[in-house]
């Protein structure tokens, strides 16, 4: 990786953090630009760059998954239980799931990447 690529990655990371902060803080784009002293054109330039980078990364991951004979990522419906249906034994900080008749309970701090692998395995046909 050359210096130019490193600098671009650094700027992308800085802008990704800034745009996330804008969303978290509930700022409008106009407020964000005024507060940071940047033009709307600059804002949208970096937003486009971030979207293109994310899109490329997703394409690479899909290609790797296909190459490694992994199933392509897909969306799975998640139904939230009605409050009355949540068991009285449920504890705060735990995630309860039922998948294909199997019940799973995990701590809410369980790493999301490991959870994704677990769910992928459970979704595979036997």
Foldseek 3Di string as FASTA:
>chain_A
DDPVVVVVVVVLVVLVVLVVVCVVVVHDLVRSCVVVVHDSVVNVVSVVVNVVVVVVVLVVVQVVCVVVVHDGDDDDDDDDDDPVPPDPPDDPQWDWDADPNDIDIDGVPPDPVVVVVVVSVSPDDD
